[in-house]
C-alpha atoms as a PDB file:
ATOM      1  CA  MET A   1      97.392  87.795 110.734  1.00  0.00           C
ATOM      2  CA  SER A   2      96.678  91.468 111.696  1.00  0.00           C
ATOM      3  CA  LYS A   3      93.366  93.004 110.832  1.00  0.00           C
ATOM      4  CA  PHE A   4      93.166  96.511 109.190  1.00  0.00           C
ATOM      5  CA  PHE A   5      90.108  98.878 107.672  1.00  0.00           C
ATOM      6  CA  LEU A   6      89.870 100.627 104.497  1.00  0.00           C
ATOM      7  CA  HIS A   7      88.143 103.863 105.254  1.00  0.00           C
ATOM      8  CA  VAL A   8      86.824 105.786 102.131  1.00  0.00           C
ATOM      9  CA  ARG A   9      86.676 109.424 102.510  1.00  0.00           C
ATOM     10  CA  ARG A  10      84.869 111.788 100.003  1.00  0.00           C
ATOM     11  CA  GLY A  11      85.519 114.985 101.112  1.00  0.00           C
ATOM     12  CA  ASP A  12      83.924 115.265 104.498  1.00  0.00           C
ATOM     13  CA  THR A  13      81.970 111.944 103.933  1.00  0.00           C
ATOM     14  CA  VAL A  14      83.588 108.885 105.464  1.00  0.00           C
ATOM     15  CA  PHE A  15      82.549 105.100 104.064  1.00  0.00           C
ATOM     16  CA  GLU A  16      83.428 103.141 107.077  1.00  0.00           C
ATOM     17  CA  ASP A  17      84.948  99.602 106.580  1.00  0.00           C
ATOM     18  CA  ARG A  18      83.329  97.635 109.052  1.00  0.00           C
ATOM     19  CA  LYS A  19      84.201  94.379 107.874  1.00  0.00           C
ATOM     20  CA  GLY A  20      88.022  94.607 107.589  1.00  0.00           C
ATOM     21  CA  LEU A  21      90.416  92.621 106.232  1.00  0.00           C
ATOM     22  CA  ASP A  22      93.254  90.268 107.564  1.00  0.00           C
ATOM     23  CA  VAL A  23      96.415  90.347 106.291  1.00  0.00           C
ATOM     24  CA  ARG A  24     100.260  89.876 106.876  1.00  0.00           C
ATOM     25  CA  ASP A  25     101.413  93.205 107.705  1.00  0.00           C
ATOM     26  CA  VAL A  26     100.617  96.881 106.768  1.00  0.00           C
ATOM     27  CA  THR A  27     102.278  96.456 103.017  1.00  0.00           C
ATOM     28  CA  ASP A  28      99.717  93.865 102.320  1.00  0.00           C
ATOM     29  CA  ALA A  29      97.204  96.403 103.581  1.00  0.00           C
ATOM     30  CA  VAL A  30      98.467  99.151 101.270  1.00  0.00           C
ATOM     31  CA  ARG A  31      98.474  96.981  98.396  1.00  0.00           C
ATOM     32  CA  ALA A  32      94.661  95.921  99.191  1.00  0.00           C
ATOM     33  CA  ALA A  33      93.666  99.706  99.604  1.00  0.00           C
ATOM     34  CA  VAL A  34      95.659 100.404  96.252  1.00  0.00           C
ATOM     35  CA  HIS A  35      93.556  97.908  94.506  1.00  0.00           C
ATOM     36  CA  ASP A  36      90.650  98.770  96.111  1.00  0.00           C
ATOM     37  CA  ALA A  37      90.840 102.418  95.132  1.00  0.00           C
ATOM     38  CA  ARG A  38      91.643 101.730  91.675  1.00  0.00           C
ATOM     39  CA  GLN A  39      88.420  99.562  91.803  1.00  0.00           C
ATOM     40  CA  ILE A  40      86.408 102.416  93.284  1.00  0.00           C
ATOM     41  CA  VAL A  41      87.524 104.630  90.538  1.00  0.00           C
ATOM     42  CA  ALA A  42      87.177 102.257  87.387  1.00  0.00           C
ATOM     43  CA  ASN A  43      83.386 101.286  88.762  1.00  0.00           C
ATOM     44  CA  GLU A  44      82.887 105.345  89.317  1.00  0.00           C
ATOM     45  CA  PRO A  45      84.008 107.254  86.788  1.00  0.00           C
ATOM     46  CA  GLU A  46      81.221 110.126  87.723  1.00  0.00           C
ATOM     47  CA  VAL A  47      83.468 110.342  90.812  1.00  0.00           C
ATOM     48  CA  LEU A  48      86.473 111.742  90.277  1.00  0.00           C
ATOM     49  CA  PRO A  49      90.126 110.822  92.126  1.00  0.00           C
ATOM     50  CA  THR A  50      90.321 114.154  93.693  1.00  0.00           C
ATOM     51  CA  GLY A  51      89.232 114.625  96.791  1.00  0.00           C
ATOM     52  CA  GLN A  52      89.068 111.190  97.656  1.00  0.00           C
ATOM     53  CA  TRP A  53      91.467 109.209  99.882  1.00  0.00           C
ATOM     54  CA  MET A  54      91.878 105.812 102.084  1.00  0.00           C
ATOM     55  CA  GLU A  55      92.742 105.699 105.290  1.00  0.00           C
ATOM     56  CA  VAL A  56      94.247 102.374 106.203  1.00  0.00           C
ATOM     57  CA  THR A  57      93.753 101.730 109.940  1.00  0.00           C
ATOM     58  CA  ASP A  58      95.058  98.986 112.930  1.00  0.00           C
ATOM     59  CA  ASP A  59      92.641  96.859 114.872  1.00  0.00           C
ATOM     60  CA  GLN A  60      92.811 100.067 117.528  1.00  0.00           C
ATOM     61  CA  GLY A  61      91.580 102.539 114.975  1.00  0.00           C
ATOM     62  CA  ASN A  62      95.067 104.090 114.153  1.00  0.00           C
ATOM     63  CA  THR A  63      95.603 105.190 111.263  1.00  0.00           C
ATOM     64  CA  VAL A  64      98.685 103.520 109.484  1.00  0.00           C
ATOM     65  CA  ARG A  65      98.433 105.191 106.235  1.00  0.00           C
ATOM     66  CA  THR A  66      96.115 107.890 103.869  1.00  0.00           C
ATOM     67  CA  LEU A  67      96.548 106.938 100.357  1.00  0.00           C
ATOM     68  CA  ARG A  68      94.988 109.963  98.101  1.00  0.00           C
ATOM     69  CA  PHE A  69      93.123 108.269  95.076  1.00  0.00           C
ATOM     70  CA  GLU A  70      94.729 111.028  92.699  1.00  0.00           C
ATOM     71  CA  THR A  71      98.283 109.425  93.388  1.00  0.00           C
ATOM     72  CA  ILE A  72      97.611 105.755  92.953  1.00  0.00           C
ATOM     73  CA  VAL A  73      95.216 105.680  89.838  1.00  0.00           C
END
């Protein structure tokens, strides 16, 4: 298992994932990020997906994927 963090960015604002999640690999972390992004958009209809993205980072703080909300919802 590896630990990944899913940070949400809205413009200049960053919502840091301080807990992280333990998953098998980057592919599973990306799947979780896509799921979370879809949940955020569904639960916060006043917030448009444009200008938001999810940064998937490893336990060393390296960004391994950046996912724009507008392309995954």
